[in-house]
Amino acid sequence: MSDKAKEPTQQPQQQFEKVTLDTPVKRGEEVIKVITIRKPRSGELRGVALTDVLQMDVNALNKVLPRITQPSLSEMEVMNLDPADLVQIGSALSVFLLSRKMRGEMESPES
């Protein structure tokens, strides 16, 4: 068995996360029940402090989420989200900002 075969394989980080909203967003006749969040690129985080995004600061999320959600939420729609939905979406976004090592530690904490 080669050394390469012994090494644990690291899964590539997921690029998308779906969040089912507790309170759907109404946009005209359309009702949005599921939001897909895409892992942001650095440019999509411009104008906000990463610490604010990680702390789920409402103003930071209001700037970033319209850039990375599908369907794309407007800033007004983000501001009108149910707080529980904002926390769900913010949590999904926060995980994208963690390193592989930090995500691994979260998934398998030491006893």
PDB file of N, CA and C in Angstrom:
ATOM      1  N   MET A   1       0.849  -1.178   0.000  1.00  0.00           N
ATOM      2  CA  MET A   1       0.000   0.000   0.000  1.00  0.00           C
ATOM      3  C   MET A   1       0.893   1.240   0.000  1.00  0.00           C
ATOM      4  N   SER A   2       0.641   2.178  -0.863  1.00  0.00           N
ATOM      5  CA  SER A   2       1.475   3.369  -0.948  1.00  0.00           C
ATOM      6  C   SER A   2       1.093   4.364   0.143  1.00  0.00           C
ATOM      7  N   ASP A   3       2.019   5.323   0.393  1.00  0.00           N
ATOM      8  CA  ASP A   3       1.739   6.355   1.391  1.00  0.00           C
ATOM      9  C   ASP A   3       0.525   7.186   0.990  1.00  0.00           C
ATOM     10  N   LYS A   4       0.383   7.376  -0.313  1.00  0.00           N
ATOM     11  CA  LYS A   4      -0.734   8.175  -0.796  1.00  0.00           C
ATOM     12  C   LYS A   4      -2.078   7.521  -0.448  1.00  0.00           C
ATOM     13  N   ALA A   5      -2.119   6.205  -0.490  1.00  0.00           N
ATOM     14  CA  ALA A   5      -3.355   5.492  -0.179  1.00  0.00           C
ATOM     15  C   ALA A   5      -3.697   5.586   1.304  1.00  0.00           C
ATOM     16  N   LYS A   6      -2.687   5.796   2.149  1.00  0.00           N
ATOM     17  CA  LYS A   6      -2.914   5.880   3.593  1.00  0.00           C
ATOM     18  C   LYS A   6      -3.440   7.246   4.030  1.00  0.00           C
ATOM     19  N   GLU A   7      -3.163   8.280   3.224  1.00  0.00           N
ATOM     20  CA  GLU A   7      -3.575   9.629   3.591  1.00  0.00           C
ATOM     21  C   GLU A   7      -5.088   9.766   3.492  1.00  0.00           C
ATOM     22  N   PRO A   8      -5.695  10.386   4.509  1.00  0.00           N
ATOM     23  CA  PRO A   8      -7.143  10.604   4.413  1.00  0.00           C
ATOM     24  C   PRO A   8      -7.430  11.605   3.301  1.00  0.00           C
ATOM     25  N   THR A   9      -8.457  11.353   2.557  1.00  0.00           N
ATOM     26  CA  THR A   9      -8.809  12.277   1.487  1.00  0.00           C
ATOM     27  C   THR A   9      -9.697  13.368   2.055  1.00  0.00           C
ATOM     28  N   GLN A  10      -9.396  14.591   1.647  1.00  0.00           N
ATOM     29  CA  GLN A  10     -10.205  15.716   2.102  1.00  0.00           C
ATOM     30  C   GLN A  10     -11.253  16.007   1.049  1.00  0.00           C
ATOM     31  N   GLN A  11     -12.463  16.126   1.498  1.00  0.00           N
ATOM     32  CA  GLN A  11     -13.554  16.448   0.593  1.00  0.00           C
ATOM     33  C   GLN A  11     -13.437  17.917   0.200  1.00  0.00           C
ATOM     34  N   PRO A  12     -13.662  18.227  -1.068  1.00  0.00           N
ATOM     35  CA  PRO A  12     -13.670  19.641  -1.435  1.00  0.00           C
ATOM     36  C   PRO A  12     -14.848  20.329  -0.756  1.00  0.00           C
ATOM     37  N   GLN A  13     -14.645  21.593  -0.433  1.00  0.00           N
ATOM     38  CA  GLN A  13     -15.719  22.312   0.252  1.00  0.00           C
ATOM     39  C   GLN A  13     -16.907  22.478  -0.683  1.00  0.00           C
ATOM     40  N   GLN A  14     -18.060  22.280  -0.122  1.00  0.00           N
ATOM     41  CA  GLN A  14     -19.302  22.470  -0.867  1.00  0.00           C
ATOM     42  C   GLN A  14     -19.396  23.936  -1.280  1.00  0.00           C
ATOM     43  N   GLN A  15     -19.837  24.189  -2.496  1.00  0.00           N
ATOM     44  CA  GLN A  15     -19.919  25.549  -3.018  1.00  0.00           C
ATOM     45  C   GLN A  15     -21.300  26.182  -2.852  1.00  0.00           C
ATOM     46  N   PHE A  16     -22.303  25.356  -2.548  1.00  0.00           N
ATOM     47  CA  PHE A  16     -23.674  25.848  -2.417  1.00  0.00           C
ATOM     48  C   PHE A  16     -24.326  25.248  -1.182  1.00  0.00           C
ATOM     49  N   GLU A  17     -25.230  25.990  -0.594  1.00  0.00           N
ATOM     50  CA  GLU A  17     -26.003  25.499   0.550  1.00  0.00           C
ATOM     51  C   GLU A  17     -27.443  25.965   0.368  1.00  0.00           C
ATOM     52  N   LYS A  18     -28.367  25.026   0.496  1.00  0.00           N
ATOM     53  CA  LYS A  18     -29.790  25.381   0.390  1.00  0.00           C
ATOM     54  C   LYS A  18     -30.358  25.580   1.786  1.00  0.00           C
ATOM     55  N   VAL A  19     -31.153  26.624   1.928  1.00  0.00           N
ATOM     56  CA  VAL A  19     -31.811  26.930   3.195  1.00  0.00           C
ATOM     57  C   VAL A  19     -33.313  27.011   2.933  1.00  0.00           C
ATOM     58  N   THR A  20     -34.061  26.202   3.657  1.00  0.00           N
ATOM     59  CA  THR A  20     -35.524  26.256   3.578  1.00  0.00           C
ATOM     60  C   THR A  20     -36.005  27.288   4.589  1.00  0.00           C
ATOM     61  N   LEU A  21     -36.719  28.264   4.098  1.00  0.00           N
ATOM     62  CA  LEU A  21     -37.176  29.359   4.952  1.00  0.00           C
ATOM     63  C   LEU A  21     -38.370  28.948   5.802  1.00  0.00           C
ATOM     64  N   ASP A  22     -38.365  29.370   7.053  1.00  0.00           N
ATOM     65  CA  ASP A  22     -39.525  29.167   7.927  1.00  0.00           C
ATOM     66  C   ASP A  22     -40.681  30.056   7.475  1.00  0.00           C
ATOM     67  N   THR A  23     -40.323  31.270   7.063  1.00  0.00           N
ATOM     68  CA  THR A  23     -41.310  32.228   6.569  1.00  0.00           C
ATOM     69  C   THR A  23     -40.930  32.594   5.137  1.00  0.00           C
ATOM     70  N   PRO A  24     -41.633  32.051   4.152  1.00  0.00           N
ATOM     71  CA  PRO A  24     -41.286  32.320   2.753  1.00  0.00           C
ATOM     72  C   PRO A  24     -41.312  33.812   2.418  1.00  0.00           C
ATOM     73  N   VAL A  25     -40.512  34.175   1.421  1.00  0.00           N
ATOM     74  CA  VAL A  25     -40.457  35.547   0.924  1.00  0.00           C
ATOM     75  C   VAL A  25     -41.464  35.664  -0.213  1.00  0.00           C
ATOM     76  N   LYS A  26     -42.302  36.692  -0.157  1.00  0.00           N
ATOM     77  CA  LYS A  26     -43.268  36.928  -1.230  1.00  0.00           C
ATOM     78  C   LYS A  26     -42.729  38.025  -2.134  1.00  0.00           C
ATOM     79  N   ARG A  27     -42.676  37.707  -3.430  1.00  0.00           N
ATOM     80  CA  ARG A  27     -42.199  38.656  -4.437  1.00  0.00           C
ATOM     81  C   ARG A  27     -43.259  38.699  -5.531  1.00  0.00           C
ATOM     82  N   GLY A  28     -44.173  39.624  -5.405  1.00  0.00           N
ATOM     83  CA  GLY A  28     -45.297  39.667  -6.343  1.00  0.00           C
ATOM     84  C   GLY A  28     -46.136  38.412  -6.172  1.00  0.00           C
ATOM     85  N   GLU A  29     -46.322  37.673  -7.259  1.00  0.00           N
ATOM     86  CA  GLU A  29     -47.071  36.417  -7.224  1.00  0.00           C
ATOM     87  C   GLU A  29     -46.192  35.243  -6.786  1.00  0.00           C
ATOM     88  N   GLU A  30     -44.884  35.430  -6.855  1.00  0.00           N
ATOM     89  CA  GLU A  30     -43.928  34.355  -6.533  1.00  0.00           C
ATOM     90  C   GLU A  30     -43.738  34.232  -5.022  1.00  0.00           C
ATOM     91  N   VAL A  31     -43.661  32.996  -4.556  1.00  0.00           N
ATOM     92  CA  VAL A  31     -43.373  32.721  -3.148  1.00  0.00           C
ATOM     93  C   VAL A  31     -42.066  31.936  -3.110  1.00  0.00           C
ATOM     94  N   ILE A  32     -41.064  32.491  -2.440  1.00  0.00           N
ATOM     95  CA  ILE A  32     -39.739  31.871  -2.364  1.00  0.00           C
ATOM     96  C   ILE A  32     -39.640  31.133  -1.042  1.00  0.00           C
ATOM     97  N   LYS A  33     -39.520  29.809  -1.129  1.00  0.00           N
ATOM     98  CA  LYS A  33     -39.453  28.971   0.069  1.00  0.00           C
ATOM     99  C   LYS A  33     -38.048  28.475   0.354  1.00  0.00           C
ATOM    100  N   VAL A  34     -37.218  28.387  -0.686  1.00  0.00           N
ATOM    101  CA  VAL A  34     -35.853  27.877  -0.541  1.00  0.00           C
ATOM    102  C   VAL A  34     -34.891  28.876  -1.171  1.00  0.00           C
ATOM    103  N   ILE A  35     -33.841  29.196  -0.441  1.00  0.00           N
ATOM    104  CA  ILE A  35     -32.790  30.085  -0.925  1.00  0.00           C
ATOM    105  C   ILE A  35     -31.516  29.259  -1.059  1.00  0.00           C
ATOM    106  N   THR A  36     -30.832  29.398  -2.183  1.00  0.00           N
ATOM    107  CA  THR A  36     -29.531  28.763  -2.360  1.00  0.00           C
ATOM    108  C   THR A  36     -28.469  29.826  -2.141  1.00  0.00           C
ATOM    109  N   ILE A  37     -27.526  29.518  -1.262  1.00  0.00           N
ATOM    110  CA  ILE A  37     -26.435  30.436  -0.958  1.00  0.00           C
ATOM    111  C   ILE A  37     -25.182  29.880  -1.608  1.00  0.00           C
ATOM    112  N   ARG A  38     -24.491  30.729  -2.350  1.00  0.00           N
ATOM    113  CA  ARG A  38     -23.249  30.330  -3.011  1.00  0.00           C
ATOM    114  C   ARG A  38     -22.064  30.821  -2.190  1.00  0.00           C
ATOM    115  N   LYS A  39     -21.021  30.018  -2.146  1.00  0.00           N
ATOM    116  CA  LYS A  39     -19.803  30.438  -1.450  1.00  0.00           C
ATOM    117  C   LYS A  39     -19.314  31.733  -2.094  1.00  0.00           C
ATOM    118  N   PRO A  40     -19.147  32.790  -1.301  1.00  0.00           N
ATOM    119  CA  PRO A  40     -18.738  34.068  -1.890  1.00  0.00           C
ATOM    120  C   PRO A  40     -17.271  34.067  -2.304  1.00  0.00           C
ATOM    121  N   ARG A  41     -16.998  34.856  -3.323  1.00  0.00           N
ATOM    122  CA  ARG A  41     -15.612  35.132  -3.694  1.00  0.00           C
ATOM    123  C   ARG A  41     -15.209  36.406  -2.954  1.00  0.00           C
ATOM    124  N   SER A  42     -13.930  36.650  -2.888  1.00  0.00           N
ATOM    125  CA  SER A  42     -13.437  37.788  -2.102  1.00  0.00           C
ATOM    126  C   SER A  42     -14.089  39.106  -2.498  1.00  0.00           C
ATOM    127  N   GLY A  43     -14.257  39.337  -3.790  1.00  0.00           N
ATOM    128  CA  GLY A  43     -14.846  40.594  -4.255  1.00  0.00           C
ATOM    129  C   GLY A  43     -16.277  40.793  -3.787  1.00  0.00           C
ATOM    130  N   GLU A  44     -16.977  39.697  -3.553  1.00  0.00           N
ATOM    131  CA  GLU A  44     -18.365  39.800  -3.099  1.00  0.00           C
ATOM    132  C   GLU A  44     -18.454  40.150  -1.617  1.00  0.00           C
ATOM    133  N   LEU A  45     -17.317  40.144  -0.952  1.00  0.00           N
ATOM    134  CA  LEU A  45     -17.275  40.516   0.466  1.00  0.00           C
ATOM    135  C   LEU A  45     -16.795  41.957   0.655  1.00  0.00           C
ATOM    136  N   ARG A  46     -16.615  42.664  -0.466  1.00  0.00           N
ATOM    137  CA  ARG A  46     -16.117  44.041  -0.381  1.00  0.00           C
ATOM    138  C   ARG A  46     -17.103  44.908   0.404  1.00  0.00           C
ATOM    139  N   GLY A  47     -16.536  45.835   1.145  1.00  0.00           N
ATOM    140  CA  GLY A  47     -17.376  46.768   1.888  1.00  0.00           C
ATOM    141  C   GLY A  47     -17.845  46.271   3.238  1.00  0.00           C
ATOM    142  N   VAL A  48     -17.452  45.051   3.606  1.00  0.00           N
ATOM    143  CA  VAL A  48     -17.834  44.530   4.924  1.00  0.00           C
ATOM    144  C   VAL A  48     -16.605  43.931   5.600  1.00  0.00           C
ATOM    145  N   ALA A  49     -16.598  43.966   6.910  1.00  0.00           N
ATOM    146  CA  ALA A  49     -15.533  43.309   7.668  1.00  0.00           C
ATOM    147  C   ALA A  49     -15.900  41.834   7.809  1.00  0.00           C
ATOM    148  N   LEU A  50     -14.931  40.956   7.586  1.00  0.00           N
ATOM    149  CA  LEU A  50     -15.196  39.524   7.704  1.00  0.00           C
ATOM    150  C   LEU A  50     -15.690  39.165   9.097  1.00  0.00           C
ATOM    151  N   THR A  51     -15.184  39.865  10.104  1.00  0.00           N
ATOM    152  CA  THR A  51     -15.656  39.585  11.467  1.00  0.00           C
ATOM    153  C   THR A  51     -17.141  39.906  11.605  1.00  0.00           C
ATOM    154  N   ASP A  52     -17.590  40.949  10.912  1.00  0.00           N
ATOM    155  CA  ASP A  52     -19.020  41.289  10.957  1.00  0.00           C
ATOM    156  C   ASP A  52     -19.859  40.198  10.303  1.00  0.00           C
ATOM    157  N   VAL A  53     -19.371  39.641   9.194  1.00  0.00           N
ATOM    158  CA  VAL A  53     -20.101  38.558   8.529  1.00  0.00           C
ATOM    159  C   VAL A  53     -20.142  37.336   9.443  1.00  0.00           C
ATOM    160  N   LEU A  54     -19.004  36.999  10.051  1.00  0.00           N
ATOM    161  CA  LEU A  54     -18.950  35.836  10.939  1.00  0.00           C
ATOM    162  C   LEU A  54     -19.834  36.010  12.171  1.00  0.00           C
ATOM    163  N   GLN A  55     -19.981  37.254  12.616  1.00  0.00           N
ATOM    164  CA  GLN A  55     -20.842  37.533  13.770  1.00  0.00           C
ATOM    165  C   GLN A  55     -22.294  37.746  13.352  1.00  0.00           C
ATOM    166  N   MET A  56     -22.565  37.548  12.074  1.00  0.00           N
ATOM    167  CA  MET A  56     -23.908  37.690  11.498  1.00  0.00           C
ATOM    168  C   MET A  56     -24.501  39.075  11.761  1.00  0.00           C
ATOM    169  N   ASP A  57     -23.660  40.095  11.619  1.00  0.00           N
ATOM    170  CA  ASP A  57     -24.127  41.473  11.729  1.00  0.00           C
ATOM    171  C   ASP A  57     -25.151  41.721  10.620  1.00  0.00           C
ATOM    172  N   VAL A  58     -26.298  42.237  10.978  1.00  0.00           N
ATOM    173  CA  VAL A  58     -27.395  42.414  10.022  1.00  0.00           C
ATOM    174  C   VAL A  58     -26.976  43.305   8.851  1.00  0.00           C
ATOM    175  N   ASN A  59     -26.257  44.390   9.120  1.00  0.00           N
ATOM    176  CA  ASN A  59     -25.844  45.287   8.040  1.00  0.00           C
ATOM    177  C   ASN A  59     -24.873  44.603   7.080  1.00  0.00           C
ATOM    178  N   ALA A  60     -23.961  43.796   7.615  1.00  0.00           N
ATOM    179  CA  ALA A  60     -23.019  43.065   6.763  1.00  0.00           C
ATOM    180  C   ALA A  60     -23.755  42.034   5.909  1.00  0.00           C
ATOM    181  N   LEU A  61     -24.676  41.298   6.518  1.00  0.00           N
ATOM    182  CA  LEU A  61     -25.452  40.312   5.758  1.00  0.00           C
ATOM    183  C   LEU A  61     -26.299  41.000   4.694  1.00  0.00           C
ATOM    184  N   ASN A  62     -26.816  42.167   5.013  1.00  0.00           N
ATOM    185  CA  ASN A  62     -27.640  42.908   4.064  1.00  0.00           C
ATOM    186  C   ASN A  62     -26.846  43.306   2.819  1.00  0.00           C
ATOM    187  N   LYS A  63     -25.545  43.533   2.971  1.00  0.00           N
ATOM    188  CA  LYS A  63     -24.704  43.876   1.818  1.00  0.00           C
ATOM    189  C   LYS A  63     -24.309  42.642   1.017  1.00  0.00           C
ATOM    190  N   VAL A  64     -23.993  41.554   1.714  1.00  0.00           N
ATOM    191  CA  VAL A  64     -23.430  40.376   1.048  1.00  0.00           C
ATOM    192  C   VAL A  64     -24.497  39.470   0.439  1.00  0.00           C
ATOM    193  N   LEU A  65     -25.580  39.228   1.136  1.00  0.00           N
ATOM    194  CA  LEU A  65     -26.565  38.242   0.673  1.00  0.00           C
ATOM    195  C   LEU A  65     -27.147  38.526  -0.713  1.00  0.00           C
ATOM    196  N   PRO A  66     -27.455  39.778  -1.076  1.00  0.00           N
ATOM    197  CA  PRO A  66     -27.959  39.989  -2.440  1.00  0.00           C
ATOM    198  C   PRO A  66     -26.956  39.570  -3.523  1.00  0.00           C
ATOM    199  N   ARG A  67     -25.692  39.503  -3.181  1.00  0.00           N
ATOM    200  CA  ARG A  67     -24.650  39.135  -4.142  1.00  0.00           C
ATOM    201  C   ARG A  67     -24.491  37.629  -4.313  1.00  0.00           C
ATOM    202  N   ILE A  68     -24.981  36.840  -3.342  1.00  0.00           N
ATOM    203  CA  ILE A  68     -24.666  35.399  -3.360  1.00  0.00           C
ATOM    204  C   ILE A  68     -25.880  34.491  -3.201  1.00  0.00           C
ATOM    205  N   THR A  69     -27.084  35.041  -3.260  1.00  0.00           N
ATOM    206  CA  THR A  69     -28.276  34.205  -3.099  1.00  0.00           C
ATOM    207  C   THR A  69     -28.949  33.956  -4.439  1.00  0.00           C
ATOM    208  N   GLN A  70     -29.599  32.807  -4.518  1.00  0.00           N
ATOM    209  CA  GLN A  70     -30.368  32.452  -5.713  1.00  0.00           C
ATOM    210  C   GLN A  70     -31.705  31.902  -5.259  1.00  0.00           C
ATOM    211  N   PRO A  71     -32.829  32.426  -5.595  1.00  0.00           N
ATOM    212  CA  PRO A  71     -32.954  33.665  -6.345  1.00  0.00           C
ATOM    213  C   PRO A  71     -32.337  34.826  -5.560  1.00  0.00           C
ATOM    214  N   SER A  72     -31.842  35.797  -6.288  1.00  0.00           N
ATOM    215  CA  SER A  72     -31.157  36.924  -5.669  1.00  0.00           C
ATOM    216  C   SER A  72     -32.141  37.742  -4.832  1.00  0.00           C
ATOM    217  N   LEU A  73     -31.839  37.841  -3.543  1.00  0.00           N
ATOM    218  CA  LEU A  73     -32.674  38.645  -2.644  1.00  0.00           C
ATOM    219  C   LEU A  73     -32.236  40.100  -2.719  1.00  0.00           C
ATOM    220  N   SER A  74     -33.180  41.007  -2.712  1.00  0.00           N
ATOM    221  CA  SER A  74     -32.845  42.428  -2.661  1.00  0.00           C
ATOM    222  C   SER A  74     -32.488  42.786  -1.218  1.00  0.00           C
ATOM    223  N   GLU A  75     -31.869  43.949  -1.046  1.00  0.00           N
ATOM    224  CA  GLU A  75     -31.541  44.391   0.315  1.00  0.00           C
ATOM    225  C   GLU A  75     -32.817  44.530   1.148  1.00  0.00           C
ATOM    226  N   MET A  76     -33.882  45.007   0.534  1.00  0.00           N
ATOM    227  CA  MET A  76     -35.152  45.163   1.261  1.00  0.00           C
ATOM    228  C   MET A  76     -35.692  43.797   1.677  1.00  0.00           C
ATOM    229  N   GLU A  77     -35.575  42.800   0.810  1.00  0.00           N
ATOM    230  CA  GLU A  77     -36.044  41.457   1.159  1.00  0.00           C
ATOM    231  C   GLU A  77     -35.213  40.868   2.297  1.00  0.00           C
ATOM    232  N   VAL A  78     -33.905  41.131   2.286  1.00  0.00           N
ATOM    233  CA  VAL A  78     -33.049  40.652   3.381  1.00  0.00           C
ATOM    234  C   VAL A  78     -33.479  41.315   4.685  1.00  0.00           C
ATOM    235  N   MET A  79     -33.746  42.614   4.640  1.00  0.00           N
ATOM    236  CA  MET A  79     -34.149  43.333   5.855  1.00  0.00           C
ATOM    237  C   MET A  79     -35.509  42.864   6.372  1.00  0.00           C
ATOM    238  N   ASN A  80     -36.328  42.304   5.500  1.00  0.00           N
ATOM    239  CA  ASN A  80     -37.657  41.845   5.907  1.00  0.00           C
ATOM    240  C   ASN A  80     -37.717  40.353   6.215  1.00  0.00           C
ATOM    241  N   LEU A  81     -36.574  39.659   6.170  1.00  0.00           N
ATOM    242  CA  LEU A  81     -36.563  38.233   6.501  1.00  0.00           C
ATOM    243  C   LEU A  81     -36.952  38.016   7.959  1.00  0.00           C
ATOM    244  N   ASP A  82     -37.585  36.900   8.210  1.00  0.00           N
ATOM    245  CA  ASP A  82     -37.843  36.473   9.581  1.00  0.00           C
ATOM    246  C   ASP A  82     -36.482  36.313  10.265  1.00  0.00           C
ATOM    247  N   PRO A  83     -36.309  36.770  11.501  1.00  0.00           N
ATOM    248  CA  PRO A  83     -35.017  36.637  12.175  1.00  0.00           C
ATOM    249  C   PRO A  83     -34.478  35.203  12.195  1.00  0.00           C
ATOM    250  N   ALA A  84     -35.351  34.221  12.355  1.00  0.00           N
ATOM    251  CA  ALA A  84     -34.899  32.823  12.353  1.00  0.00           C
ATOM    252  C   ALA A  84     -34.312  32.447  10.994  1.00  0.00           C
ATOM    253  N   ASP A  85     -34.892  32.962   9.916  1.00  0.00           N
ATOM    254  CA  ASP A  85     -34.375  32.683   8.577  1.00  0.00           C
ATOM    255  C   ASP A  85     -33.043  33.391   8.357  1.00  0.00           C
ATOM    256  N   LEU A  86     -32.918  34.615   8.865  1.00  0.00           N
ATOM    257  CA  LEU A  86     -31.659  35.345   8.734  1.00  0.00           C
ATOM    258  C   LEU A  86     -30.537  34.600   9.454  1.00  0.00           C
ATOM    259  N   VAL A  87     -30.832  34.040  10.617  1.00  0.00           N
ATOM    260  CA  VAL A  87     -29.828  33.263  11.358  1.00  0.00           C
ATOM    261  C   VAL A  87     -29.437  32.012  10.573  1.00  0.00           C
ATOM    262  N   GLN A  88     -30.418  31.320   9.998  1.00  0.00           N
ATOM    263  CA  GLN A  88     -30.117  30.126   9.191  1.00  0.00           C
ATOM    264  C   GLN A  88     -29.206  30.470   8.014  1.00  0.00           C
ATOM    265  N   ILE A  89     -29.551  31.533   7.304  1.00  0.00           N
ATOM    266  CA  ILE A  89     -28.775  31.937   6.133  1.00  0.00           C
ATOM    267  C   ILE A  89     -27.395  32.423   6.560  1.00  0.00           C
ATOM    268  N   GLY A  90     -27.334  33.227   7.626  1.00  0.00           N
ATOM    269  CA  GLY A  90     -26.047  33.718   8.126  1.00  0.00           C
ATOM    270  C   GLY A  90     -25.145  32.591   8.581  1.00  0.00           C
ATOM    271  N   SER A  91     -25.715  31.571   9.197  1.00  0.00           N
ATOM    272  CA  SER A  91     -24.925  30.412   9.636  1.00  0.00           C
ATOM    273  C   SER A  91     -24.346  29.668   8.445  1.00  0.00           C
ATOM    274  N   ALA A  92     -25.154  29.492   7.410  1.00  0.00           N
ATOM    275  CA  ALA A  92     -24.673  28.813   6.203  1.00  0.00           C
ATOM    276  C   ALA A  92     -23.542  29.612   5.564  1.00  0.00           C
ATOM    277  N   LEU A  93     -23.681  30.922   5.519  1.00  0.00           N
ATOM    278  CA  LEU A  93     -22.638  31.780   4.962  1.00  0.00           C
ATOM    279  C   LEU A  93     -21.370  31.702   5.801  1.00  0.00           C
ATOM    280  N   SER A  94     -21.503  31.717   7.111  1.00  0.00           N
ATOM    281  CA  SER A  94     -20.339  31.684   8.003  1.00  0.00           C
ATOM    282  C   SER A  94     -19.484  30.445   7.784  1.00  0.00           C
ATOM    283  N   VAL A  95     -20.116  29.313   7.551  1.00  0.00           N
ATOM    284  CA  VAL A  95     -19.366  28.068   7.341  1.00  0.00           C
ATOM    285  C   VAL A  95     -18.481  28.177   6.101  1.00  0.00           C
ATOM    286  N   PHE A  96     -18.944  28.898   5.076  1.00  0.00           N
ATOM    287  CA  PHE A  96     -18.142  29.068   3.865  1.00  0.00           C
ATOM    288  C   PHE A  96     -16.837  29.811   4.140  1.00  0.00           C
ATOM    289  N   LEU A  97     -16.799  30.611   5.191  1.00  0.00           N
ATOM    290  CA  LEU A  97     -15.624  31.434   5.477  1.00  0.00           C
ATOM    291  C   LEU A  97     -14.589  30.726   6.343  1.00  0.00           C
ATOM    292  N   LEU A  98     -14.899  29.537   6.816  1.00  0.00           N
ATOM    293  CA  LEU A  98     -13.978  28.797   7.676  1.00  0.00           C
ATOM    294  C   LEU A  98     -12.984  27.990   6.845  1.00  0.00           C
ATOM    295  N   SER A  99     -11.791  27.818   7.390  1.00  0.00           N
ATOM    296  CA  SER A  99     -10.785  26.986   6.723  1.00  0.00           C
ATOM    297  C   SER A  99     -11.178  25.517   6.839  1.00  0.00           C
ATOM    298  N   ARG A 100     -10.561  24.672   6.031  1.00  0.00           N
ATOM    299  CA  ARG A 100     -10.834  23.231   6.107  1.00  0.00           C
ATOM    300  C   ARG A 100     -10.547  22.699   7.503  1.00  0.00           C
ATOM    301  N   LYS A 101      -9.452  23.174   8.089  1.00  0.00           N
ATOM    302  CA  LYS A 101      -9.077  22.706   9.421  1.00  0.00           C
ATOM    303  C   LYS A 101     -10.164  23.057  10.441  1.00  0.00           C
ATOM    304  N   MET A 102     -10.639  24.290  10.389  1.00  0.00           N
ATOM    305  CA  MET A 102     -11.673  24.713  11.340  1.00  0.00           C
ATOM    306  C   MET A 102     -12.974  23.952  11.118  1.00  0.00           C
ATOM    307  N   ARG A 103     -13.331  23.714   9.851  1.00  0.00           N
ATOM    308  CA  ARG A 103     -14.545  22.940   9.569  1.00  0.00           C
ATOM    309  C   ARG A 103     -14.392  21.518  10.075  1.00  0.00           C
ATOM    310  N   GLY A 104     -13.190  20.940   9.909  1.00  0.00           N
ATOM    311  CA  GLY A 104     -12.938  19.588  10.394  1.00  0.00           C
ATOM    312  C   GLY A 104     -13.055  19.500  11.900  1.00  0.00           C
ATOM    313  N   GLU A 105     -12.567  20.519  12.599  1.00  0.00           N
ATOM    314  CA  GLU A 105     -12.661  20.544  14.059  1.00  0.00           C
ATOM    315  C   GLU A 105     -14.110  20.678  14.512  1.00  0.00           C
ATOM    316  N   MET A 106     -14.915  21.400  13.737  1.00  0.00           N
ATOM    317  CA  MET A 106     -16.331  21.546  14.087  1.00  0.00           C
ATOM    318  C   MET A 106     -17.072  20.229  13.900  1.00  0.00           C
ATOM    319  N   GLU A 107     -16.707  19.490  12.840  1.00  0.00           N
ATOM    320  CA  GLU A 107     -17.399  18.242  12.528  1.00  0.00           C
ATOM    321  C   GLU A 107     -17.013  17.107  13.461  1.00  0.00           C
ATOM    322  N   SER A 108     -15.767  17.105  13.937  1.00  0.00           N
ATOM    323  CA  SER A 108     -15.328  16.026  14.827  1.00  0.00           C
ATOM    324  C   SER A 108     -14.560  16.606  16.010  1.00  0.00           C
ATOM    325  N   PRO A 109     -15.276  17.261  16.941  1.00  0.00           N
ATOM    326  CA  PRO A 109     -14.605  17.848  18.106  1.00  0.00           C
ATOM    327  C   PRO A 109     -13.978  16.763  18.977  1.00  0.00           C
ATOM    328  N   GLU A 110     -12.838  17.126  19.567  1.00  0.00           N
ATOM    329  CA  GLU A 110     -12.156  16.177  20.454  1.00  0.00           C
ATOM    330  C   GLU A 110     -12.957  16.000  21.732  1.00  0.00           C
ATOM    331  N   SER A 111     -12.940  14.801  22.250  1.00  0.00           N
ATOM    332  CA  SER A 111     -13.686  14.513  23.485  1.00  0.00           C
ATOM    333  C   SER A 111     -12.901  14.914  24.694  1.00  0.00           C
TER     334      SER A 111
END
